[in-house]
């Protein structure tokens, strides 16, 4: 099976539990072979500082409402065009303060739109014909 993917880099403001914030780069990734999840990397000096995986639906609903559990949560930010992603311990280094990148909602919607074109909602588990064709033609 070919691994079609969507990747988008964007700037975010990283906010810690202490309320301090600073700009960081994020990389959002979505792969057809893992159609239910979105990978989020926080980059510092070009290196991956923190990585988390979110359900694509969590990002979709988190734009307008608080969703998720204690480890991974998505909710609207305090600004009109903000969405906050909360990534708690275990993704960076053990014992680190939970991270909460605040991203521009319009960028997140644009990214999700690309993922929906690659794998429409409700069809995540329905790529069997395409997978079979890929297997048969790769021999």
C-alpha atoms as a PDB file:
ATOM      1  CA  UNK A   1       0.000   0.000   0.000  1.00  0.00           C
ATOM      2  CA  UNK A   2       1.327   3.412  -0.822  1.00  0.00           C
ATOM      3  CA  UNK A   3       1.708   5.657   2.183  1.00  0.00           C
ATOM      4  CA  UNK A   4       0.030   8.863   1.044  1.00  0.00           C
ATOM      5  CA  UNK A   5       0.407  11.565   3.654  1.00  0.00           C
ATOM      6  CA  UNK A   6      -0.405  15.149   4.560  1.00  0.00           C
ATOM      7  CA  UNK A   7       2.141  17.223   6.431  1.00  0.00           C
ATOM      8  CA  UNK A   8       1.943  20.859   7.478  1.00  0.00           C
ATOM      9  CA  UNK A   9       4.358  23.036   9.392  1.00  0.00           C
ATOM     10  CA  UNK A  10       3.120  26.057  11.299  1.00  0.00           C
ATOM     11  CA  UNK A  11       4.070  28.481  14.037  1.00  0.00           C
ATOM     12  CA  UNK A  12       2.441  28.178  17.423  1.00  0.00           C
ATOM     13  CA  UNK A  13       2.726  29.691  20.842  1.00  0.00           C
ATOM     14  CA  UNK A  14       3.768  27.174  23.463  1.00  0.00           C
ATOM     15  CA  UNK A  15       2.136  27.797  26.832  1.00  0.00           C
ATOM     16  CA  UNK A  16       3.158  25.947  29.994  1.00  0.00           C
ATOM     17  CA  UNK A  17       1.065  25.407  33.113  1.00  0.00           C
ATOM     18  CA  UNK A  18       2.838  28.396  34.649  1.00  0.00           C
ATOM     19  CA  UNK A  19       1.300  30.614  31.944  1.00  0.00           C
ATOM     20  CA  UNK A  20       4.578  31.440  30.221  1.00  0.00           C
ATOM     21  CA  UNK A  21       4.502  31.308  26.435  1.00  0.00           C
ATOM     22  CA  UNK A  22       6.997  31.439  23.591  1.00  0.00           C
ATOM     23  CA  UNK A  23       6.889  30.781  19.826  1.00  0.00           C
ATOM     24  CA  UNK A  24       7.657  27.293  18.503  1.00  0.00           C
ATOM     25  CA  UNK A  25       7.305  25.391  15.264  1.00  0.00           C
ATOM     26  CA  UNK A  26       4.787  22.563  14.982  1.00  0.00           C
ATOM     27  CA  UNK A  27       4.607  19.819  12.416  1.00  0.00           C
ATOM     28  CA  UNK A  28       1.229  18.160  11.853  1.00  0.00           C
ATOM     29  CA  UNK A  29       1.247  14.808  10.071  1.00  0.00           C
ATOM     30  CA  UNK A  30      -1.489  12.512   8.805  1.00  0.00           C
ATOM     31  CA  UNK A  31      -0.901   9.210   7.026  1.00  0.00           C
ATOM     32  CA  UNK A  32      -3.393   7.154   5.085  1.00  0.00           C
ATOM     33  CA  UNK A  33      -2.069   3.935   6.626  1.00  0.00           C
ATOM     34  CA  UNK A  34      -2.993   5.284  10.102  1.00  0.00           C
ATOM     35  CA  UNK A  35      -6.254   7.011   9.184  1.00  0.00           C
ATOM     36  CA  UNK A  36      -7.561   7.629  12.693  1.00  0.00           C
ATOM     37  CA  UNK A  37      -4.595   9.563  14.069  1.00  0.00           C
ATOM     38  CA  UNK A  38      -2.760  12.823  13.589  1.00  0.00           C
ATOM     39  CA  UNK A  39       0.818  13.238  14.740  1.00  0.00           C
ATOM     40  CA  UNK A  40       1.872  16.535  16.306  1.00  0.00           C
ATOM     41  CA  UNK A  41       5.524  17.413  16.850  1.00  0.00           C
ATOM     42  CA  UNK A  42       6.795  20.431  18.743  1.00  0.00           C
ATOM     43  CA  UNK A  43      10.131  21.461  17.259  1.00  0.00           C
ATOM     44  CA  UNK A  44      12.815  23.412  19.079  1.00  0.00           C
ATOM     45  CA  UNK A  45      15.922  24.467  17.139  1.00  0.00           C
ATOM     46  CA  UNK A  46      14.791  22.173  14.309  1.00  0.00           C
ATOM     47  CA  UNK A  47      14.768  19.083  16.556  1.00  0.00           C
ATOM     48  CA  UNK A  48      11.702  17.215  17.831  1.00  0.00           C
ATOM     49  CA  UNK A  49      11.184  18.283  21.426  1.00  0.00           C
ATOM     50  CA  UNK A  50       7.823  16.669  22.002  1.00  0.00           C
ATOM     51  CA  UNK A  51       5.561  14.331  20.015  1.00  0.00           C
ATOM     52  CA  UNK A  52       1.949  13.326  20.543  1.00  0.00           C
ATOM     53  CA  UNK A  53      -0.736  11.515  18.593  1.00  0.00           C
ATOM     54  CA  UNK A  54      -4.335  12.706  18.535  1.00  0.00           C
ATOM     55  CA  UNK A  55      -7.450  11.142  17.117  1.00  0.00           C
ATOM     56  CA  UNK A  56      -8.397  13.115  14.020  1.00  0.00           C
ATOM     57  CA  UNK A  57     -11.914  13.494  15.464  1.00  0.00           C
ATOM     58  CA  UNK A  58     -10.420  15.012  18.608  1.00  0.00           C
ATOM     59  CA  UNK A  59      -8.896  17.805  16.540  1.00  0.00           C
ATOM     60  CA  UNK A  60     -12.114  18.249  14.582  1.00  0.00           C
ATOM     61  CA  UNK A  61     -14.319  18.669  17.652  1.00  0.00           C
ATOM     62  CA  UNK A  62     -11.691  20.474  19.724  1.00  0.00           C
ATOM     63  CA  UNK A  63     -11.933  23.521  17.490  1.00  0.00           C
ATOM     64  CA  UNK A  64     -15.309  24.347  19.001  1.00  0.00           C
ATOM     65  CA  UNK A  65     -15.446  22.489  22.345  1.00  0.00           C
ATOM     66  CA  UNK A  66     -13.243  21.023  25.067  1.00  0.00           C
ATOM     67  CA  UNK A  67     -12.599  17.335  24.239  1.00  0.00           C
ATOM     68  CA  UNK A  68     -10.209  14.628  25.361  1.00  0.00           C
ATOM     69  CA  UNK A  69      -8.852  13.181  28.575  1.00  0.00           C
ATOM     70  CA  UNK A  70      -6.109  14.275  30.939  1.00  0.00           C
ATOM     71  CA  UNK A  71      -3.157  13.221  28.764  1.00  0.00           C
ATOM     72  CA  UNK A  72      -4.326  14.657  25.438  1.00  0.00           C
ATOM     73  CA  UNK A  73      -6.937  17.402  25.204  1.00  0.00           C
ATOM     74  CA  UNK A  74      -8.011  19.878  22.558  1.00  0.00           C
ATOM     75  CA  UNK A  75     -10.099  22.961  23.202  1.00  0.00           C
ATOM     76  CA  UNK A  76     -10.741  26.443  21.866  1.00  0.00           C
ATOM     77  CA  UNK A  77      -8.150  28.959  23.023  1.00  0.00           C
ATOM     78  CA  UNK A  78      -8.846  32.253  24.727  1.00  0.00           C
ATOM     79  CA  UNK A  79      -8.544  34.207  21.451  1.00  0.00           C
ATOM     80  CA  UNK A  80     -11.078  34.232  18.630  1.00  0.00           C
ATOM     81  CA  UNK A  81      -8.881  32.219  16.240  1.00  0.00           C
ATOM     82  CA  UNK A  82      -7.040  29.899  18.646  1.00  0.00           C
ATOM     83  CA  UNK A  83      -7.116  26.204  19.420  1.00  0.00           C
ATOM     84  CA  UNK A  84      -5.130  24.774  22.323  1.00  0.00           C
ATOM     85  CA  UNK A  85      -3.593  21.285  22.185  1.00  0.00           C
ATOM     86  CA  UNK A  86      -2.622  19.895  25.573  1.00  0.00           C
ATOM     87  CA  UNK A  87       0.087  17.242  25.584  1.00  0.00           C
ATOM     88  CA  UNK A  88       0.804  15.973  29.089  1.00  0.00           C
ATOM     89  CA  UNK A  89       3.776  14.004  30.452  1.00  0.00           C
ATOM     90  CA  UNK A  90       5.502  11.150  28.697  1.00  0.00           C
ATOM     91  CA  UNK A  91       5.754  12.797  25.297  1.00  0.00           C
ATOM     92  CA  UNK A  92       8.888  14.845  25.930  1.00  0.00           C
ATOM     93  CA  UNK A  93      10.879  13.777  29.008  1.00  0.00           C
ATOM     94  CA  UNK A  94       9.507  12.118  32.123  1.00  0.00           C
ATOM     95  CA  UNK A  95       8.412  14.726  34.623  1.00  0.00           C
ATOM     96  CA  UNK A  96       8.271  17.619  32.164  1.00  0.00           C
ATOM     97  CA  UNK A  97       5.581  20.228  32.567  1.00  0.00           C
ATOM     98  CA  UNK A  98       2.574  19.501  30.326  1.00  0.00           C
ATOM     99  CA  UNK A  99       2.804  21.412  27.059  1.00  0.00           C
ATOM    100  CA  UNK A 100      -0.045  23.364  25.486  1.00  0.00           C
ATOM    101  CA  UNK A 101       0.711  24.651  21.994  1.00  0.00           C
ATOM    102  CA  UNK A 102      -1.798  27.279  20.896  1.00  0.00           C
ATOM    103  CA  UNK A 103      -2.354  27.173  17.135  1.00  0.00           C
ATOM    104  CA  UNK A 104      -4.292  29.306  14.700  1.00  0.00           C
ATOM    105  CA  UNK A 105      -7.669  27.627  14.199  1.00  0.00           C
ATOM    106  CA  UNK A 106      -7.789  28.507  10.476  1.00  0.00           C
ATOM    107  CA  UNK A 107      -4.503  26.643   9.912  1.00  0.00           C
ATOM    108  CA  UNK A 108      -5.836  23.631  11.785  1.00  0.00           C
ATOM    109  CA  UNK A 109      -9.026  23.670   9.678  1.00  0.00           C
ATOM    110  CA  UNK A 110      -6.932  23.854   6.493  1.00  0.00           C
ATOM    111  CA  UNK A 111      -4.838  20.871   7.640  1.00  0.00           C
ATOM    112  CA  UNK A 112      -7.949  18.856   8.529  1.00  0.00           C
ATOM    113  CA  UNK A 113      -9.432  19.654   5.112  1.00  0.00           C
ATOM    114  CA  UNK A 114      -6.378  18.092   3.450  1.00  0.00           C
ATOM    115  CA  UNK A 115      -6.752  14.980   5.604  1.00  0.00           C
ATOM    116  CA  UNK A 116     -10.458  14.695   4.717  1.00  0.00           C
ATOM    117  CA  UNK A 117      -9.614  14.805   1.008  1.00  0.00           C
ATOM    118  CA  UNK A 118      -7.039  12.042   1.495  1.00  0.00           C
ATOM    119  CA  UNK A 119      -9.351   9.854   3.638  1.00  0.00           C
ATOM    120  CA  UNK A 120     -12.950  11.092   3.907  1.00  0.00           C
ATOM    121  CA  UNK A 121     -14.532  10.756   7.372  1.00  0.00           C
ATOM    122  CA  UNK A 122     -16.311   7.436   7.750  1.00  0.00           C
ATOM    123  CA  UNK A 123     -14.109   5.674   5.174  1.00  0.00           C
ATOM    124  CA  UNK A 124     -11.036   5.157   7.353  1.00  0.00           C
ATOM    125  CA  UNK A 125     -11.396   1.375   7.363  1.00  0.00           C
ATOM    126  CA  UNK A 126     -12.677   1.030   3.807  1.00  0.00           C
ATOM    127  CA  UNK A 127      -9.464   1.131   1.728  1.00  0.00           C
ATOM    128  CA  UNK A 128      -9.358  -2.641   1.183  1.00  0.00           C
ATOM    129  CA  UNK A 129      -9.827  -2.489  -2.605  1.00  0.00           C
ATOM    130  CA  UNK A 130      -7.063   0.059  -2.967  1.00  0.00           C
ATOM    131  CA  UNK A 131      -4.761  -1.919  -0.662  1.00  0.00           C
ATOM    132  CA  UNK A 132      -5.415  -5.116  -2.599  1.00  0.00           C
ATOM    133  CA  UNK A 133      -4.719  -3.372  -5.920  1.00  0.00           C
ATOM    134  CA  UNK A 134      -1.452  -2.002  -4.517  1.00  0.00           C
ATOM    135  CA  UNK A 135      -0.420  -5.479  -3.337  1.00  0.00           C
ATOM    136  CA  UNK A 136      -1.243  -7.106  -6.668  1.00  0.00           C
ATOM    137  CA  UNK A 137       0.579  -4.495  -8.756  1.00  0.00           C
ATOM    138  CA  UNK A 138       3.685  -4.490  -6.549  1.00  0.00           C
ATOM    139  CA  UNK A 139       4.563  -8.111  -7.394  1.00  0.00           C
END
